[in-house]
Structure formats: structure tokens, C-alpha cells
Amino acid sequence: MFFPLFGYGYGLYLLFSLPALLLGMWAQFKVQGAFKKYSQVKTYVGLTGAEVARRILDINGLNHVQVEETRGFLSDHYDPQKKVLRLSPDVYRSNSVAANGIAAHETGHAIQDQQAYGMLKLRTAIVPTVQIGSWLGPIIFMIGLFMSSALGTQVAVVGLIFFGLTAVFSLVTLPVEFDASRRAKAILATSGMIYNQEMDGVNKVLDAAALTYVAAAIQAISTVLFYAFLLFGRSRD
């Protein structure tokens, strides 16, 4: 992430972002710890993450959605454009409580897509703009910030708006992820694919994962506030 490494700017950045950075580190620690613990707990039924995903999709009439294995650690995601659910090897092949929970969570996104869930549609629609704004916004902002003129302020505001889309994206992501986890928990609790006593592990894994999205949103907002402070603080000088 780009930020000015000069004078008080760096100190202010830490002031704005350090709490969010610490929360993000703690959230990653929690999710990795929960996944490590419950990836070692095998379910009684013994279904792999891929099998859980396939069953849930078929039950909901989503036979056309493919389940594929993808590379990476916890790289699991649903692609609403290609209608493909991709699971990391540790989820796709494993019959653990953690793998079942994560697979069910990702099928929650497929069900959201099927039901035209508004927040998922919004998130998907703004992805291209956010991808551009996340790297172009800070560049435009810094160019405007270093221009000592009214035009420079206007340029910086444009950059701030572009980068601000990342915070909007993070906020939109929260209800999408929370809803997918809610759906996953409800499905697993009533499907018979895992036993009731295994739901505690599912809850801990998915709740820890949700915390990472909260941390990401707070970090994005704090960075936008930092840029705004730099810009409007300069304007008052």
C-alpha cells in the first residue's frame, strides 16, 4: 500500500492505521489457529470439503456450478462470473470440521448468486472499478498533494475518491461474508453432513474468518481517513 514516507506523514499514518494493523494481525492469528486446530478434527460422517460443497449445491438446484481444486492456502472462493466454486487443497481433499465449514461457506456465496442477493451483486459490479482505484487512486492523490495550487487540491480529491472505493468495497463485503457464514451454519446444522457437536468447530472457524473481513474494512477506512487528514489539513494551512 502506498503512503508518504516523509516527516510527520509517516507518524500520522501509524497513528491512524496501527490499531487496524494490529487487529488484522490478531484476526489472521485467530483464523489460522482455528483452521489448524479443526483441520485435525475429522468429521464422523467423513465427507470431504469437495463432497460437502457438491451435495449442498445439488440440494439447492445448482448442479451447473462446478467444484474445482485451486492452489494456495485458504484461497477458497466462488466465482460468480464463471459459476465455479474453487477450494484450496486443504479444504477440497480433507474431511475435517474446518474443511466442511469453509466449503459450506463458499456454497453460501453460490446460493446468494442464485437468489440474486443484492450485496453480492453490488460487490461483483464494483470489483473492476475498485481494482483500478486501489492502485491509481493513491498515485493521483500524491500528485495532487504535491501540487501547491487549487488544481492540486482538486486532483488530490479525485485520487481520494478513487481510493475511497476500496473502503466501500470492504464495507459491502461484510454483509456478503456474514450472510454466507449464516447460510453455511444453518445448512450444516440441519443437513446431517456433520454432527451437532461438531458445529462448535465450524462456528469458531467461520467466526474467525469473519473477523479478518472486519479488520480489512477498518484498515481501509483508516487509510482513507489518513489521506483525507493530509489533504484537508494542508488546505487549512
Protein backbone atom coordinates (compact mmCIF):
# COMPACT_ATOMS: atom_id res chain seq x y z
CA MET A 1 0.00 0.00 0.00
CA PHE A 2 1.38 3.43 -0.95
CA PHE A 3 1.78 6.14 1.67
CA PRO A 4 4.17 9.10 2.06
CA LEU A 5 7.36 8.23 3.89
CA PHE A 6 8.20 11.74 4.96
CA GLY A 7 8.28 13.61 8.24
CA TYR A 8 5.12 13.68 10.24
CA GLY A 9 3.21 11.87 7.50
CA TYR A 10 4.65 8.51 8.46
CA GLY A 11 3.89 9.06 12.13
CA LEU A 12 0.34 10.10 11.32
CA TYR A 13 -0.10 7.04 9.16
CA LEU A 14 0.86 4.81 12.07
CA LEU A 15 -1.47 6.76 14.34
CA PHE A 16 -4.39 6.19 12.00
CA SER A 17 -3.55 2.65 10.90
CA LEU A 18 -1.72 0.92 13.75
CA PRO A 19 -4.91 -0.19 15.57
CA ALA A 20 -6.30 -1.66 12.34
CA LEU A 21 -2.97 -3.33 11.53
CA LEU A 22 -2.84 -4.91 14.98
CA LEU A 23 -6.44 -6.08 14.65
CA GLY A 24 -5.61 -7.56 11.25
CA MET A 25 -2.63 -9.44 12.65
CA TRP A 26 -4.75 -10.76 15.52
CA ALA A 27 -7.52 -11.79 13.12
CA GLN A 28 -5.04 -13.69 10.94
CA PHE A 29 -3.66 -15.38 14.03
CA LYS A 30 -7.17 -16.39 15.09
CA VAL A 31 -8.23 -17.76 11.72
CA GLN A 32 -5.01 -19.69 11.17
CA GLY A 33 -5.17 -21.07 14.71
CA ALA A 34 -8.80 -22.13 14.35
CA PHE A 35 -8.17 -23.70 10.96
CA LYS A 36 -5.08 -25.55 12.19
CA LYS A 37 -6.96 -26.91 15.21
CA TYR A 38 -10.12 -28.02 13.45
CA SER A 39 -8.39 -29.24 10.30
CA GLN A 40 -7.08 -32.00 12.54
CA VAL A 41 -10.59 -32.92 13.74
CA LYS A 42 -12.20 -35.36 11.31
CA THR A 43 -15.98 -35.42 10.97
CA TYR A 44 -17.89 -38.56 11.87
CA VAL A 45 -19.64 -38.68 8.51
CA GLY A 46 -16.30 -38.32 6.74
CA LEU A 47 -17.26 -36.15 3.76
CA THR A 48 -14.51 -34.10 2.17
CA GLY A 49 -14.92 -30.38 1.55
CA ALA A 50 -15.48 -31.09 -2.14
CA GLU A 51 -18.22 -33.61 -1.34
CA VAL A 52 -19.93 -31.24 1.09
CA ALA A 53 -19.88 -28.47 -1.49
CA ARG A 54 -21.26 -30.75 -4.21
CA ARG A 55 -24.09 -32.01 -2.01
CA ILE A 56 -25.15 -28.54 -0.90
CA LEU A 57 -25.06 -27.22 -4.46
CA ASP A 58 -27.12 -30.14 -5.78
CA ILE A 59 -29.69 -29.83 -2.97
CA ASN A 60 -30.17 -26.18 -3.94
CA GLY A 61 -30.53 -26.87 -7.65
CA LEU A 62 -27.06 -25.61 -8.51
CA ASN A 63 -25.97 -28.68 -10.48
CA HIS A 64 -24.39 -26.43 -13.10
CA VAL A 65 -21.92 -24.92 -10.62
CA GLN A 66 -18.60 -26.73 -10.85
CA VAL A 67 -16.41 -27.54 -7.83
CA GLU A 68 -12.71 -27.30 -8.60
CA GLU A 69 -9.47 -27.57 -6.68
CA THR A 70 -7.26 -24.49 -6.75
CA ARG A 71 -3.79 -23.72 -5.50
CA GLY A 72 -2.91 -21.83 -2.35
CA PHE A 73 -3.66 -21.84 1.36
CA LEU A 74 -7.22 -20.79 2.24
CA SER A 75 -7.64 -19.49 -1.31
CA ASP A 76 -11.22 -20.76 -1.41
CA HIS A 77 -13.71 -18.62 -3.32
CA TYR A 78 -16.79 -18.64 -5.54
CA ASP A 79 -16.56 -17.09 -8.99
CA PRO A 80 -19.99 -15.63 -9.83
CA GLN A 81 -18.95 -14.88 -13.41
CA LYS A 82 -17.85 -18.41 -14.33
CA LYS A 83 -20.18 -20.17 -11.84
CA VAL A 84 -17.29 -22.11 -10.36
CA LEU A 85 -16.58 -22.85 -6.71
CA ARG A 86 -12.85 -23.22 -6.11
CA LEU A 87 -11.48 -24.90 -2.99
CA SER A 88 -7.89 -24.99 -1.75
CA PRO A 89 -6.27 -28.44 -1.40
CA ASP A 90 -6.59 -28.39 2.41
CA VAL A 91 -10.34 -27.93 2.01
CA TYR A 92 -11.08 -29.81 -1.21
CA ARG A 93 -9.46 -33.09 -0.11
CA SER A 94 -9.95 -33.01 3.66
CA ASN A 95 -12.83 -34.47 5.67
CA SER A 96 -12.13 -32.21 8.65
CA VAL A 97 -14.55 -29.97 10.52
CA ALA A 98 -12.68 -26.91 9.24
CA ALA A 99 -12.83 -28.08 5.62
CA ASN A 100 -16.55 -28.80 5.84
CA GLY A 101 -17.26 -25.38 7.32
CA ILE A 102 -15.26 -23.47 4.73
CA ALA A 103 -16.73 -25.48 1.84
CA ALA A 104 -20.23 -24.77 3.13
CA HIS A 105 -19.39 -21.07 3.45
CA GLU A 106 -18.35 -20.88 -0.19
CA THR A 107 -21.52 -22.62 -1.31
CA GLY A 108 -23.32 -19.87 0.61
CA HIS A 109 -21.97 -17.44 -1.98
CA ALA A 110 -23.24 -19.64 -4.81
CA ILE A 111 -26.70 -19.65 -3.21
CA GLN A 112 -26.51 -15.85 -2.84
CA ASP A 113 -25.76 -15.64 -6.56
CA GLN A 114 -28.68 -17.94 -7.39
CA GLN A 115 -31.04 -15.79 -5.31
CA ALA A 116 -29.66 -12.51 -6.72
CA TYR A 117 -28.56 -11.36 -3.27
CA GLY A 118 -28.24 -7.59 -3.63
CA MET A 119 -24.99 -7.03 -1.76
CA LEU A 120 -23.21 -9.77 -3.72
CA LYS A 121 -24.41 -8.23 -6.99
CA LEU A 122 -23.15 -4.84 -5.84
CA ARG A 123 -19.76 -6.23 -4.79
CA THR A 124 -19.33 -8.06 -8.09
CA ALA A 125 -20.29 -4.94 -10.06
CA ILE A 126 -17.76 -2.65 -8.39
CA VAL A 127 -14.80 -5.06 -8.48
CA PRO A 128 -13.28 -3.67 -11.75
CA THR A 129 -13.55 -0.07 -10.54
CA VAL A 130 -12.10 -0.94 -7.14
CA GLN A 131 -9.15 -2.76 -8.73
CA ILE A 132 -8.29 0.37 -10.70
CA GLY A 133 -8.91 2.75 -7.83
CA SER A 134 -6.83 0.78 -5.33
CA TRP A 135 -3.59 1.42 -7.21
CA LEU A 136 -4.40 4.51 -9.30
CA GLY A 137 -6.11 6.46 -6.51
CA PRO A 138 -3.04 6.86 -4.25
CA ILE A 139 -0.89 7.90 -7.22
CA ILE A 140 -3.36 10.60 -8.30
CA PHE A 141 -3.72 11.69 -4.68
CA MET A 142 0.02 12.13 -4.13
CA ILE A 143 0.43 14.01 -7.42
CA GLY A 144 -2.29 16.43 -6.35
CA LEU A 145 -0.92 16.69 -2.82
CA PHE A 146 2.47 17.85 -4.08
CA MET A 147 0.91 20.46 -6.38
CA SER A 148 0.68 23.69 -4.39
CA SER A 149 -2.41 25.06 -6.09
CA ALA A 150 -6.19 24.83 -6.11
CA LEU A 151 -5.88 22.47 -9.07
CA GLY A 152 -3.66 20.23 -6.98
CA THR A 153 -6.33 20.04 -4.30
CA GLN A 154 -8.92 19.05 -6.91
CA VAL A 155 -6.62 16.36 -8.31
CA ALA A 156 -5.99 15.02 -4.81
CA VAL A 157 -9.73 14.88 -4.11
CA VAL A 158 -10.21 12.79 -7.27
CA GLY A 159 -7.50 10.42 -6.08
CA LEU A 160 -9.10 10.24 -2.64
CA ILE A 161 -12.46 9.34 -4.15
CA PHE A 162 -10.88 6.62 -6.30
CA PHE A 163 -9.06 5.12 -3.33
CA GLY A 164 -12.15 5.53 -1.15
CA LEU A 165 -13.81 2.86 -3.28
CA THR A 166 -11.62 0.30 -1.52
CA ALA A 167 -13.28 1.22 1.77
CA VAL A 168 -16.71 0.98 0.13
CA PHE A 169 -15.80 -2.46 -1.21
CA SER A 170 -14.67 -3.60 2.25
CA LEU A 171 -17.92 -2.41 3.81
CA VAL A 172 -20.03 -4.11 1.14
CA THR A 173 -18.03 -7.30 1.68
CA LEU A 174 -19.05 -7.54 5.34
CA PRO A 175 -22.75 -8.40 4.89
CA VAL A 176 -21.87 -10.70 1.97
CA GLU A 177 -19.48 -12.74 4.10
CA PHE A 178 -21.62 -12.69 7.23
CA ASP A 179 -24.65 -13.88 5.26
CA ALA A 180 -22.65 -16.68 3.59
CA SER A 181 -21.48 -17.90 7.01
CA ARG A 182 -25.04 -17.73 8.36
CA ARG A 183 -26.25 -19.84 5.47
CA ALA A 184 -23.39 -22.32 5.91
CA LYS A 185 -24.07 -22.80 9.61
CA ALA A 186 -27.80 -23.29 9.03
CA ILE A 187 -27.23 -25.83 6.25
CA LEU A 188 -24.65 -27.86 8.16
CA ALA A 189 -26.73 -27.83 11.35
CA THR A 190 -29.71 -29.43 9.60
CA SER A 191 -28.23 -31.43 6.72
CA GLY A 192 -26.86 -34.42 8.60
CA MET A 193 -23.49 -33.99 6.90
CA ILE A 194 -21.87 -33.26 10.26
CA TYR A 195 -22.96 -33.96 13.83
CA ASN A 196 -24.29 -31.26 16.16
CA GLN A 197 -21.27 -31.47 18.47
CA GLU A 198 -19.03 -30.63 15.52
CA MET A 199 -20.81 -27.32 14.94
CA ASP A 200 -18.73 -25.65 17.65
CA GLY A 201 -15.65 -26.10 15.48
CA VAL A 202 -17.47 -24.84 12.39
CA ASN A 203 -18.60 -21.74 14.28
CA LYS A 204 -15.11 -20.96 15.54
CA VAL A 205 -13.52 -21.30 12.10
CA LEU A 206 -16.12 -19.19 10.32
CA ASP A 207 -16.30 -16.55 13.07
CA ALA A 208 -12.51 -16.18 12.99
CA ALA A 209 -12.62 -15.80 9.22
CA ALA A 210 -15.32 -13.11 9.55
CA LEU A 211 -13.03 -11.15 11.85
CA THR A 212 -10.47 -10.82 9.06
CA TYR A 213 -13.05 -9.00 6.92
CA VAL A 214 -13.86 -6.65 9.79
CA ALA A 215 -10.15 -5.88 10.19
CA ALA A 216 -9.77 -5.27 6.44
CA ALA A 217 -12.68 -2.82 6.47
CA ILE A 218 -11.30 -0.90 9.44
CA GLN A 219 -7.87 -0.73 7.84
CA ALA A 220 -9.28 0.56 4.54
CA ILE A 221 -11.35 3.22 6.32
CA SER A 222 -8.42 4.33 8.48
CA THR A 223 -6.20 4.74 5.41
CA VAL A 224 -8.84 6.85 3.65
CA LEU A 225 -9.15 9.00 6.78
CA PHE A 226 -5.38 9.43 6.83
CA TYR A 227 -5.34 10.67 3.24
CA ALA A 228 -8.24 13.00 3.97
CA PHE A 229 -6.42 14.38 7.03
CA LEU A 230 -3.31 15.08 4.94
CA LEU A 231 -5.31 16.81 2.22
CA PHE A 232 -7.66 18.95 4.26
CA GLY A 233 -5.03 19.62 6.90
CA ARG A 234 -2.87 21.11 4.15
CA SER A 235 -5.80 23.12 2.83
CA ARG A 236 -6.20 24.82 6.22
CA ASP A 237 -2.53 25.82 6.34
